[in-house]
Amino acid sequence: MANLKDIQRQIKSVSNTQKTTRAMKLVSTAKLRRAEELAKRSRLYAAKMNQVIAEIAGRIKCNKVGGLDNRCFVEIENPKTVDIVFVTADKGLCGGFNIQTIKAVKKLLTEYKAKNVKVRLRGIGKKGIEFFKYNEVELFDAVANLSSNPDKDRSDEFIISSIEDFKDGKIDALHIVYNGYKNMITQELHVNKLLPVDSTQFECGEAEKSMLEIESQDEEKMLDSLVNRYVQYAMYYSLIDSVAAEHSARMQAMDTATNNAKDMVRSLNVQFNKARQAAITTELIEIISGVESMK
């Protein structure tokens, strides 16, 4: 009978786990809908900002003597110092969501180390921060409780130092690594270089069609200001995109866990019924044997 009690205890434990994972799935599903809608709206704003930058930069590139010489648009062939910003979740239980980002960061670190380039690693999200601290990888800057609750002001404050250091020549490139939202069942890893901005995409033909009315003497100043906003918003958008992907990954992980718990409960019930039947059969044999021995 002790065996039956153990099985009953396991069934109760797994059933409670199943209730928890089902509840977590429902919570993530509700949060995902809100995050997905915010990500869609933010994507439109980011696209329009990219268009404005491309138009102004294209006009300067095509009309100014010497072309586009702003440091934010000039590719540096032999960088000496780079910033890598990564975004992970503050919580676990979301499958391989965090480890994909961590692997991409480790790959970048290895590549730059092979080229003798100094890397300043800047982290957002407890899971990534804890991983690199545990593995004794130095973090130049780290912020927790931002990836789970994206805030524009905190995001701008975090990234502005990298922008200023790039403009001052202290770093030669700025990368951001995060796992973004693609659809309900798929996350997409992003390894983006924010600075310098790729100027090869700017074409004179597109610049000539521009409807923006900006005095030529103000274009440089406007472009410099837009670069700040471009990078700051790219940072903020990565947080929004990442949190949507996190909820998507957790929803899938909890759905899988719920199904596994259901299968385990079914298997334990079969095991319990077999054990109970065996116990009943044993008792019947003992009774019959006792009766036979009394004859």
C-alpha atoms as a PDB file:
ATOM      1  CA  MET A   1       0.000   0.000   0.000  1.00  0.00           C
ATOM      2  CA  ALA A   2       2.958   2.313   0.573  1.00  0.00           C
ATOM      3  CA  ASN A   3       3.633   2.134  -3.141  1.00  0.00           C
ATOM      4  CA  LEU A   4       0.070   3.262  -3.880  1.00  0.00           C
ATOM      5  CA  LYS A   5       0.467   6.237  -1.554  1.00  0.00           C
ATOM      6  CA  ASP A   6       3.700   7.243  -3.293  1.00  0.00           C
ATOM      7  CA  ILE A   7       1.998   7.115  -6.679  1.00  0.00           C
ATOM      8  CA  GLN A   8      -0.959   9.155  -5.368  1.00  0.00           C
ATOM      9  CA  ARG A   9       1.469  11.730  -4.008  1.00  0.00           C
ATOM     10  CA  GLN A  10       3.201  11.954  -7.381  1.00  0.00           C
ATOM     11  CA  ILE A  11      -0.127  12.343  -9.202  1.00  0.00           C
ATOM     12  CA  LYS A  12      -1.131  15.185  -6.886  1.00  0.00           C
ATOM     13  CA  SER A  13       2.236  16.891  -7.289  1.00  0.00           C
ATOM     14  CA  VAL A  14       2.226  16.674 -11.099  1.00  0.00           C
ATOM     15  CA  SER A  15      -1.419  17.829 -11.238  1.00  0.00           C
ATOM     16  CA  ASN A  16      -0.548  20.916  -9.202  1.00  0.00           C
ATOM     17  CA  THR A  17       2.382  21.608 -11.533  1.00  0.00           C
ATOM     18  CA  GLN A  18       0.043  21.241 -14.504  1.00  0.00           C
ATOM     19  CA  LYS A  19      -2.318  23.847 -13.037  1.00  0.00           C
ATOM     20  CA  THR A  20       0.592  26.236 -12.524  1.00  0.00           C
ATOM     21  CA  THR A  21       1.984  25.842 -16.040  1.00  0.00           C
ATOM     22  CA  ARG A  22      -1.496  26.236 -17.550  1.00  0.00           C
ATOM     23  CA  ALA A  23      -2.004  29.459 -15.597  1.00  0.00           C
ATOM     24  CA  MET A  24       1.416  30.756 -16.668  1.00  0.00           C
ATOM     25  CA  LYS A  25       0.570  30.002 -20.291  1.00  0.00           C
ATOM     26  CA  LEU A  26      -2.666  31.995 -20.046  1.00  0.00           C
ATOM     27  CA  VAL A  27      -0.857  34.940 -18.427  1.00  0.00           C
ATOM     28  CA  SER A  28       1.831  34.942 -21.132  1.00  0.00           C
ATOM     29  CA  THR A  29      -0.838  34.747 -23.842  1.00  0.00           C
ATOM     30  CA  ALA A  30      -2.589  37.842 -22.465  1.00  0.00           C
ATOM     31  CA  LYS A  31       0.688  39.754 -22.095  1.00  0.00           C
ATOM     32  CA  LEU A  32       1.793  38.715 -25.575  1.00  0.00           C
ATOM     33  CA  ARG A  33      -1.267  40.301 -27.199  1.00  0.00           C
ATOM     34  CA  ARG A  34      -0.483  43.679 -25.622  1.00  0.00           C
ATOM     35  CA  ALA A  35       3.240  43.443 -26.364  1.00  0.00           C
ATOM     36  CA  GLU A  36       2.589  42.354 -29.953  1.00  0.00           C
ATOM     37  CA  GLU A  37       0.342  45.364 -30.595  1.00  0.00           C
ATOM     38  CA  LEU A  38       2.915  47.765 -29.113  1.00  0.00           C
ATOM     39  CA  ALA A  39       5.680  46.191 -31.218  1.00  0.00           C
ATOM     40  CA  LYS A  40       3.637  46.643 -34.410  1.00  0.00           C
ATOM     41  CA  ARG A  41       3.022  50.340 -33.710  1.00  0.00           C
ATOM     42  CA  SER A  42       6.665  50.886 -32.763  1.00  0.00           C
ATOM     43  CA  ARG A  43       7.829  49.200 -35.959  1.00  0.00           C
ATOM     44  CA  LEU A  44       5.984  51.787 -38.035  1.00  0.00           C
ATOM     45  CA  TYR A  45       7.607  54.669 -36.161  1.00  0.00           C
ATOM     46  CA  ALA A  46      11.070  53.089 -36.539  1.00  0.00           C
ATOM     47  CA  ALA A  47      10.538  52.641 -40.291  1.00  0.00           C
ATOM     48  CA  LYS A  48       9.546  56.299 -40.716  1.00  0.00           C
ATOM     49  CA  MET A  49      12.580  57.463 -38.721  1.00  0.00           C
ATOM     50  CA  ASN A  50      14.877  55.327 -40.879  1.00  0.00           C
ATOM     51  CA  GLN A  51      13.304  56.904 -43.958  1.00  0.00           C
ATOM     52  CA  VAL A  52      13.937  60.463 -42.702  1.00  0.00           C
ATOM     53  CA  ILE A  53      17.569  59.698 -41.822  1.00  0.00           C
ATOM     54  CA  ALA A  54      18.106  58.066 -45.210  1.00  0.00           C
ATOM     55  CA  GLU A  55      16.699  61.103 -47.009  1.00  0.00           C
ATOM     56  CA  ILE A  56      18.787  63.681 -45.130  1.00  0.00           C
ATOM     57  CA  ALA A  57      21.971  61.587 -45.199  1.00  0.00           C
ATOM     58  CA  GLY A  58      21.438  60.876 -48.895  1.00  0.00           C
ATOM     59  CA  ARG A  59      21.124  64.587 -49.679  1.00  0.00           C
ATOM     60  CA  ILE A  60      24.339  65.384 -47.829  1.00  0.00           C
ATOM     61  CA  LYS A  61      26.139  62.445 -49.416  1.00  0.00           C
ATOM     62  CA  CYS A  62      25.158  63.501 -52.930  1.00  0.00           C
ATOM     63  CA  ASN A  63      25.336  67.313 -52.639  1.00  0.00           C
ATOM     64  CA  LYS A  64      28.159  68.051 -50.221  1.00  0.00           C
ATOM     65  CA  VAL A  65      31.747  68.259 -51.443  1.00  0.00           C
ATOM     66  CA  GLY A  66      33.567  65.277 -49.935  1.00  0.00           C
ATOM     67  CA  GLY A  67      30.294  63.447 -49.384  1.00  0.00           C
ATOM     68  CA  LEU A  68      28.986  62.205 -46.062  1.00  0.00           C
ATOM     69  CA  ASP A  69      31.851  62.583 -43.570  1.00  0.00           C
ATOM     70  CA  ASN A  70      29.873  62.348 -40.338  1.00  0.00           C
ATOM     71  CA  ARG A  71      31.620  59.774 -38.081  1.00  0.00           C
ATOM     72  CA  CYS A  72      28.301  58.050 -37.437  1.00  0.00           C
ATOM     73  CA  PHE A  73      28.143  57.026 -41.107  1.00  0.00           C
ATOM     74  CA  VAL A  74      31.791  56.174 -41.806  1.00  0.00           C
ATOM     75  CA  GLU A  75      32.775  52.506 -41.581  1.00  0.00           C
ATOM     76  CA  ILE A  76      35.908  51.953 -39.478  1.00  0.00           C
ATOM     77  CA  GLU A  77      37.962  49.111 -40.941  1.00  0.00           C
ATOM     78  CA  ASN A  78      40.135  48.322 -37.905  1.00  0.00           C
ATOM     79  CA  PRO A  79      38.110  49.046 -34.760  1.00  0.00           C
ATOM     80  CA  LYS A  80      39.974  49.144 -31.459  1.00  0.00           C
ATOM     81  CA  THR A  81      37.064  49.237 -29.006  1.00  0.00           C
ATOM     82  CA  VAL A  82      33.429  48.252 -29.516  1.00  0.00           C
ATOM     83  CA  ASP A  83      30.313  48.190 -27.379  1.00  0.00           C
ATOM     84  CA  ILE A  84      28.053  45.124 -27.400  1.00  0.00           C
ATOM     85  CA  VAL A  85      24.631  45.560 -25.822  1.00  0.00           C
ATOM     86  CA  PHE A  86      22.576  42.426 -25.191  1.00  0.00           C
ATOM     87  CA  VAL A  87      18.967  42.030 -24.074  1.00  0.00           C
ATOM     88  CA  THR A  88      17.768  38.949 -22.196  1.00  0.00           C
ATOM     89  CA  ALA A  89      14.777  38.265 -19.966  1.00  0.00           C
ATOM     90  CA  ASP A  90      14.675  38.923 -16.231  1.00  0.00           C
ATOM     91  CA  LYS A  91      12.966  35.555 -15.694  1.00  0.00           C
ATOM     92  CA  GLY A  92      13.409  32.006 -16.943  1.00  0.00           C
ATOM     93  CA  LEU A  93      10.917  29.293 -17.906  1.00  0.00           C
ATOM     94  CA  CYS A  94      10.897  30.453 -21.539  1.00  0.00           C
ATOM     95  CA  GLY A  95      12.695  27.605 -23.306  1.00  0.00           C
ATOM     96  CA  GLY A  96      15.854  28.504 -25.197  1.00  0.00           C
ATOM     97  CA  PHE A  97      14.931  32.189 -25.460  1.00  0.00           C
ATOM     98  CA  ASN A  98      17.817  33.489 -23.319  1.00  0.00           C
ATOM     99  CA  ILE A  99      20.474  30.986 -24.335  1.00  0.00           C
ATOM    100  CA  GLN A 100      20.160  31.907 -28.026  1.00  0.00           C
ATOM    101  CA  THR A 101      21.054  35.519 -27.236  1.00  0.00           C
ATOM    102  CA  ILE A 102      23.883  34.455 -24.926  1.00  0.00           C
ATOM    103  CA  LYS A 103      25.368  32.181 -27.598  1.00  0.00           C
ATOM    104  CA  ALA A 104      25.289  35.016 -30.152  1.00  0.00           C
ATOM    105  CA  VAL A 105      27.053  37.342 -27.701  1.00  0.00           C
ATOM    106  CA  LYS A 106      29.705  34.734 -26.946  1.00  0.00           C
ATOM    107  CA  LYS A 107      30.309  34.285 -30.673  1.00  0.00           C
ATOM    108  CA  LEU A 108      30.796  38.048 -31.127  1.00  0.00           C
ATOM    109  CA  LEU A 109      33.149  38.153 -28.141  1.00  0.00           C
ATOM    110  CA  THR A 110      35.224  35.321 -29.611  1.00  0.00           C
ATOM    111  CA  GLU A 111      35.416  37.009 -33.026  1.00  0.00           C
ATOM    112  CA  TYR A 112      36.549  40.340 -31.608  1.00  0.00           C
ATOM    113  CA  LYS A 113      38.999  38.672 -29.233  1.00  0.00           C
ATOM    114  CA  ALA A 114      40.627  36.945 -32.215  1.00  0.00           C
ATOM    115  CA  LYS A 115      41.100  40.390 -33.795  1.00  0.00           C
ATOM    116  CA  ASN A 116      42.518  41.870 -30.546  1.00  0.00           C
ATOM    117  CA  VAL A 117      39.587  44.269 -30.290  1.00  0.00           C
ATOM    118  CA  LYS A 118      38.544  45.450 -26.831  1.00  0.00           C
ATOM    119  CA  VAL A 119      34.873  44.787 -26.084  1.00  0.00           C
ATOM    120  CA  ARG A 120      32.769  46.678 -23.573  1.00  0.00           C
ATOM    121  CA  LEU A 121      29.883  44.332 -22.744  1.00  0.00           C
ATOM    122  CA  ARG A 122      26.695  46.035 -21.629  1.00  0.00           C
ATOM    123  CA  GLY A 123      23.801  43.898 -20.440  1.00  0.00           C
ATOM    124  CA  ILE A 124      20.055  44.259 -19.935  1.00  0.00           C
ATOM    125  CA  GLY A 125      18.167  41.435 -18.234  1.00  0.00           C
ATOM    126  CA  LYS A 126      18.975  39.361 -15.139  1.00  0.00           C
ATOM    127  CA  LYS A 127      19.446  36.047 -16.941  1.00  0.00           C
ATOM    128  CA  GLY A 128      22.187  37.286 -19.263  1.00  0.00           C
ATOM    129  CA  ILE A 129      23.853  39.342 -16.531  1.00  0.00           C
ATOM    130  CA  GLU A 130      23.918  36.389 -14.138  1.00  0.00           C
ATOM    131  CA  PHE A 131      25.324  34.090 -16.827  1.00  0.00           C
ATOM    132  CA  PHE A 132      28.276  36.314 -17.701  1.00  0.00           C
ATOM    133  CA  LYS A 133      29.001  37.163 -14.063  1.00  0.00           C
ATOM    134  CA  TYR A 134      29.007  33.459 -13.196  1.00  0.00           C
ATOM    135  CA  ASN A 135      31.443  32.808 -16.060  1.00  0.00           C
ATOM    136  CA  GLU A 136      33.608  35.730 -14.874  1.00  0.00           C
ATOM    137  CA  VAL A 137      33.090  37.810 -18.014  1.00  0.00           C
ATOM    138  CA  GLU A 138      33.484  41.483 -17.175  1.00  0.00           C
ATOM    139  CA  LEU A 139      30.412  43.653 -17.728  1.00  0.00           C
ATOM    140  CA  PHE A 140      31.011  47.327 -18.466  1.00  0.00           C
ATOM    141  CA  ASP A 141      27.412  48.177 -17.556  1.00  0.00           C
ATOM    142  CA  ALA A 142      24.370  46.183 -16.481  1.00  0.00           C
ATOM    143  CA  VAL A 143      20.693  46.972 -15.876  1.00  0.00           C
ATOM    144  CA  ALA A 144      18.039  44.635 -14.495  1.00  0.00           C
ATOM    145  CA  ASN A 145      14.238  45.010 -14.445  1.00  0.00           C
ATOM    146  CA  LEU A 146      14.233  46.891 -17.750  1.00  0.00           C
ATOM    147  CA  SER A 147      13.720  44.100 -20.275  1.00  0.00           C
ATOM    148  CA  SER A 148      10.592  42.885 -18.459  1.00  0.00           C
ATOM    149  CA  ASN A 149       9.204  46.428 -18.227  1.00  0.00           C
ATOM    150  CA  PRO A 150      10.510  48.551 -21.130  1.00  0.00           C
ATOM    151  CA  ASP A 151      10.742  52.228 -20.245  1.00  0.00           C
ATOM    152  CA  LYS A 152      11.743  54.850 -22.830  1.00  0.00           C
ATOM    153  CA  ASP A 153      13.495  57.192 -20.388  1.00  0.00           C
ATOM    154  CA  ARG A 154      15.578  54.448 -18.778  1.00  0.00           C
ATOM    155  CA  SER A 155      16.373  52.987 -22.185  1.00  0.00           C
ATOM    156  CA  ASP A 156      17.565  56.383 -23.502  1.00  0.00           C
ATOM    157  CA  GLU A 157      19.657  56.939 -20.387  1.00  0.00           C
ATOM    158  CA  PHE A 158      21.278  53.530 -20.773  1.00  0.00           C
ATOM    159  CA  ILE A 159      22.305  53.879 -24.428  1.00  0.00           C
ATOM    160  CA  ILE A 160      23.203  57.587 -24.597  1.00  0.00           C
ATOM    161  CA  SER A 161      26.659  57.019 -23.090  1.00  0.00           C
ATOM    162  CA  SER A 162      27.541  54.622 -25.941  1.00  0.00           C
ATOM    163  CA  ILE A 163      26.351  57.162 -28.510  1.00  0.00           C
ATOM    164  CA  GLU A 164      28.441  59.936 -26.957  1.00  0.00           C
ATOM    165  CA  ASP A 165      31.486  57.666 -26.625  1.00  0.00           C
ATOM    166  CA  PHE A 166      31.181  56.768 -30.307  1.00  0.00           C
ATOM    167  CA  LYS A 167      30.993  60.393 -31.369  1.00  0.00           C
ATOM    168  CA  ASP A 168      33.978  61.195 -29.130  1.00  0.00           C
ATOM    169  CA  GLY A 169      36.002  58.371 -30.665  1.00  0.00           C
ATOM    170  CA  LYS A 170      36.169  56.243 -27.494  1.00  0.00           C
ATOM    171  CA  ILE A 171      34.506  53.321 -29.270  1.00  0.00           C
ATOM    172  CA  ASP A 172      34.429  52.420 -32.969  1.00  0.00           C
ATOM    173  CA  ALA A 173      31.194  50.412 -33.210  1.00  0.00           C
ATOM    174  CA  LEU A 174      27.989  49.692 -31.327  1.00  0.00           C
ATOM    175  CA  HIS A 175      26.201  46.351 -31.626  1.00  0.00           C
ATOM    176  CA  ILE A 176      22.936  45.179 -30.122  1.00  0.00           C
ATOM    177  CA  VAL A 177      21.983  41.516 -29.700  1.00  0.00           C
ATOM    178  CA  TYR A 178      18.493  40.362 -28.767  1.00  0.00           C
ATOM    179  CA  ASN A 179      15.856  37.749 -29.529  1.00  0.00           C
ATOM    180  CA  GLY A 180      12.918  39.403 -31.292  1.00  0.00           C
ATOM    181  CA  TYR A 181       9.319  38.521 -32.037  1.00  0.00           C
ATOM    182  CA  LYS A 182       8.487  37.079 -35.458  1.00  0.00           C
ATOM    183  CA  ASN A 183       5.140  35.393 -34.879  1.00  0.00           C
ATOM    184  CA  MET A 184       3.240  33.479 -32.193  1.00  0.00           C
ATOM    185  CA  ILE A 185       5.476  30.434 -32.452  1.00  0.00           C
ATOM    186  CA  THR A 186       8.775  31.838 -33.721  1.00  0.00           C
ATOM    187  CA  GLN A 187      11.442  34.135 -32.292  1.00  0.00           C
ATOM    188  CA  GLU A 188      14.106  35.742 -34.457  1.00  0.00           C
ATOM    189  CA  LEU A 189      17.636  36.454 -33.249  1.00  0.00           C
ATOM    190  CA  HIS A 190      18.928  39.939 -34.125  1.00  0.00           C
ATOM    191  CA  VAL A 191      22.602  40.923 -34.196  1.00  0.00           C
ATOM    192  CA  ASN A 192      22.501  44.532 -35.395  1.00  0.00           C
ATOM    193  CA  LYS A 193      25.208  47.134 -35.798  1.00  0.00           C
ATOM    194  CA  LEU A 194      23.675  50.461 -34.777  1.00  0.00           C
ATOM    195  CA  LEU A 195      26.814  52.567 -35.194  1.00  0.00           C
ATOM    196  CA  PRO A 196      28.222  53.400 -37.622  1.00  0.00           C
ATOM    197  CA  VAL A 197      25.021  53.539 -39.668  1.00  0.00           C
ATOM    198  CA  ASP A 198      25.322  51.742 -42.997  1.00  0.00           C
ATOM    199  CA  SER A 199      25.493  54.568 -45.571  1.00  0.00           C
ATOM    200  CA  THR A 200      25.567  52.236 -48.600  1.00  0.00           C
ATOM    201  CA  GLN A 201      21.763  52.139 -48.488  1.00  0.00           C
ATOM    202  CA  PHE A 202      21.508  55.870 -49.240  1.00  0.00           C
ATOM    203  CA  GLU A 203      20.975  56.612 -52.940  1.00  0.00           C
ATOM    204  CA  CYS A 204      21.038  59.964 -54.727  1.00  0.00           C
ATOM    205  CA  GLY A 205      17.915  59.148 -56.674  1.00  0.00           C
ATOM    206  CA  GLU A 206      15.903  58.700 -53.496  1.00  0.00           C
ATOM    207  CA  ALA A 207      17.404  61.837 -51.937  1.00  0.00           C
ATOM    208  CA  GLU A 208      16.370  63.937 -54.922  1.00  0.00           C
ATOM    209  CA  LYS A 209      12.756  62.791 -54.495  1.00  0.00           C
ATOM    210  CA  SER A 210      12.736  63.895 -50.857  1.00  0.00           C
ATOM    211  CA  MET A 211       9.887  66.240 -49.881  1.00  0.00           C
ATOM    212  CA  LEU A 212      11.636  67.401 -46.685  1.00  0.00           C
ATOM    213  CA  GLU A 213      12.151  71.149 -46.536  1.00  0.00           C
ATOM    214  CA  ILE A 214      15.407  71.707 -44.642  1.00  0.00           C
ATOM    215  CA  GLU A 215      17.919  74.492 -45.133  1.00  0.00           C
ATOM    216  CA  SER A 216      21.215  73.081 -46.379  1.00  0.00           C
ATOM    217  CA  GLN A 217      23.146  74.663 -43.487  1.00  0.00           C
ATOM    218  CA  ASP A 218      20.864  72.859 -41.002  1.00  0.00           C
ATOM    219  CA  GLU A 219      21.126  69.406 -42.539  1.00  0.00           C
ATOM    220  CA  GLU A 220      24.282  68.389 -40.633  1.00  0.00           C
ATOM    221  CA  LYS A 221      22.848  69.517 -37.312  1.00  0.00           C
ATOM    222  CA  MET A 222      19.539  67.812 -38.031  1.00  0.00           C
ATOM    223  CA  LEU A 223      21.288  64.595 -39.042  1.00  0.00           C
ATOM    224  CA  ASP A 224      23.397  64.566 -35.885  1.00  0.00           C
ATOM    225  CA  SER A 225      20.282  64.975 -33.745  1.00  0.00           C
ATOM    226  CA  LEU A 226      18.423  62.286 -35.676  1.00  0.00           C
ATOM    227  CA  VAL A 227      21.262  59.790 -35.168  1.00  0.00           C
ATOM    228  CA  ASN A 228      20.806  60.121 -31.405  1.00  0.00           C
ATOM    229  CA  ARG A 229      17.076  59.515 -31.707  1.00  0.00           C
ATOM    230  CA  TYR A 230      17.604  56.697 -34.185  1.00  0.00           C
ATOM    231  CA  VAL A 231      19.925  54.749 -31.868  1.00  0.00           C
ATOM    232  CA  GLN A 232      17.857  55.520 -28.774  1.00  0.00           C
ATOM    233  CA  TYR A 233      14.687  54.335 -30.425  1.00  0.00           C
ATOM    234  CA  ALA A 234      16.438  51.254 -31.822  1.00  0.00           C
ATOM    235  CA  MET A 235      17.410  50.433 -28.232  1.00  0.00           C
ATOM    236  CA  TYR A 236      13.854  50.966 -26.975  1.00  0.00           C
ATOM    237  CA  TYR A 237      12.350  48.992 -29.854  1.00  0.00           C
ATOM    238  CA  SER A 238      14.674  46.062 -29.126  1.00  0.00           C
ATOM    239  CA  LEU A 239      13.256  45.969 -25.569  1.00  0.00           C
ATOM    240  CA  ILE A 240       9.676  45.990 -26.856  1.00  0.00           C
ATOM    241  CA  ASP A 241      10.432  43.363 -29.488  1.00  0.00           C
ATOM    242  CA  SER A 242      12.293  41.237 -26.952  1.00  0.00           C
ATOM    243  CA  VAL A 243       9.530  41.267 -24.341  1.00  0.00           C
ATOM    244  CA  ALA A 244       6.984  40.196 -26.994  1.00  0.00           C
ATOM    245  CA  ALA A 245       9.295  37.351 -28.021  1.00  0.00           C
ATOM    246  CA  GLU A 246       9.811  36.413 -24.366  1.00  0.00           C
ATOM    247  CA  HIS A 247       6.061  36.034 -23.763  1.00  0.00           C
ATOM    248  CA  SER A 248       5.761  34.035 -26.979  1.00  0.00           C
ATOM    249  CA  ALA A 249       8.591  31.700 -25.926  1.00  0.00           C
ATOM    250  CA  ARG A 250       7.191  31.308 -22.407  1.00  0.00           C
ATOM    251  CA  MET A 251       3.710  30.598 -23.763  1.00  0.00           C
ATOM    252  CA  GLN A 252       5.121  27.764 -25.891  1.00  0.00           C
ATOM    253  CA  ALA A 253       7.288  26.431 -23.057  1.00  0.00           C
ATOM    254  CA  MET A 254       4.375  26.394 -20.611  1.00  0.00           C
ATOM    255  CA  ASP A 255       2.102  24.763 -23.205  1.00  0.00           C
ATOM    256  CA  THR A 256       4.672  22.005 -23.697  1.00  0.00           C
ATOM    257  CA  ALA A 257       5.104  21.638 -19.931  1.00  0.00           C
ATOM    258  CA  THR A 258       1.321  21.402 -19.457  1.00  0.00           C
ATOM    259  CA  ASN A 259       1.031  18.688 -22.113  1.00  0.00           C
ATOM    260  CA  ASN A 260       3.956  16.774 -20.604  1.00  0.00           C
ATOM    261  CA  ALA A 261       2.340  16.992 -17.159  1.00  0.00           C
ATOM    262  CA  LYS A 262      -0.936  15.721 -18.615  1.00  0.00           C
ATOM    263  CA  ASP A 263       0.867  12.742 -20.178  1.00  0.00           C
ATOM    264  CA  MET A 264       2.664  12.042 -16.914  1.00  0.00           C
ATOM    265  CA  VAL A 265      -0.577  12.118 -14.904  1.00  0.00           C
ATOM    266  CA  ARG A 266      -2.132   9.693 -17.405  1.00  0.00           C
ATOM    267  CA  SER A 267       0.883   7.378 -17.099  1.00  0.00           C
ATOM    268  CA  LEU A 268       0.823   7.567 -13.289  1.00  0.00           C
ATOM    269  CA  ASN A 269      -2.914   6.793 -13.234  1.00  0.00           C
ATOM    270  CA  VAL A 270      -2.286   3.661 -15.296  1.00  0.00           C
ATOM    271  CA  GLN A 271       0.563   2.746 -12.959  1.00  0.00           C
ATOM    272  CA  PHE A 272      -1.678   3.382  -9.912  1.00  0.00           C
ATOM    273  CA  ASN A 273      -4.506   1.242 -11.301  1.00  0.00           C
ATOM    274  CA  LYS A 274      -2.109  -1.610 -12.046  1.00  0.00           C
ATOM    275  CA  ALA A 275      -0.601  -1.397  -8.557  1.00  0.00           C
ATOM    276  CA  ARG A 276      -4.059  -1.283  -6.948  1.00  0.00           C
ATOM    277  CA  GLN A 277      -5.220  -4.257  -9.016  1.00  0.00           C
ATOM    278  CA  ALA A 278      -2.089  -6.156  -8.035  1.00  0.00           C
ATOM    279  CA  ALA A 279      -2.728  -5.354  -4.365  1.00  0.00           C
ATOM    280  CA  ILE A 280      -6.347  -6.507  -4.615  1.00  0.00           C
ATOM    281  CA  THR A 281      -5.287  -9.706  -6.396  1.00  0.00           C
ATOM    282  CA  THR A 282      -2.686 -10.378  -3.700  1.00  0.00           C
ATOM    283  CA  GLU A 283      -5.273  -9.903  -0.936  1.00  0.00           C
ATOM    284  CA  LEU A 284      -7.730 -12.229  -2.706  1.00  0.00           C
ATOM    285  CA  ILE A 285      -5.046 -14.914  -3.081  1.00  0.00           C
ATOM    286  CA  GLU A 286      -4.186 -14.592   0.613  1.00  0.00           C
ATOM    287  CA  ILE A 287      -7.882 -14.934   1.596  1.00  0.00           C
ATOM    288  CA  ILE A 288      -8.426 -17.936  -0.665  1.00  0.00           C
ATOM    289  CA  SER A 289      -5.208 -19.545   0.584  1.00  0.00           C
ATOM    290  CA  GLY A 290      -6.324 -19.007   4.194  1.00  0.00           C
ATOM    291  CA  VAL A 291      -9.719 -20.564   3.506  1.00  0.00           C
ATOM    292  CA  GLU A 292      -8.130 -23.530   1.779  1.00  0.00           C
ATOM    293  CA  SER A 293      -5.733 -24.076   4.665  1.00  0.00           C
ATOM    294  CA  MET A 294      -8.673 -24.214   7.120  1.00  0.00           C
ATOM    295  CA  LYS A 295     -10.364 -27.089   5.236  1.00  0.00           C
END
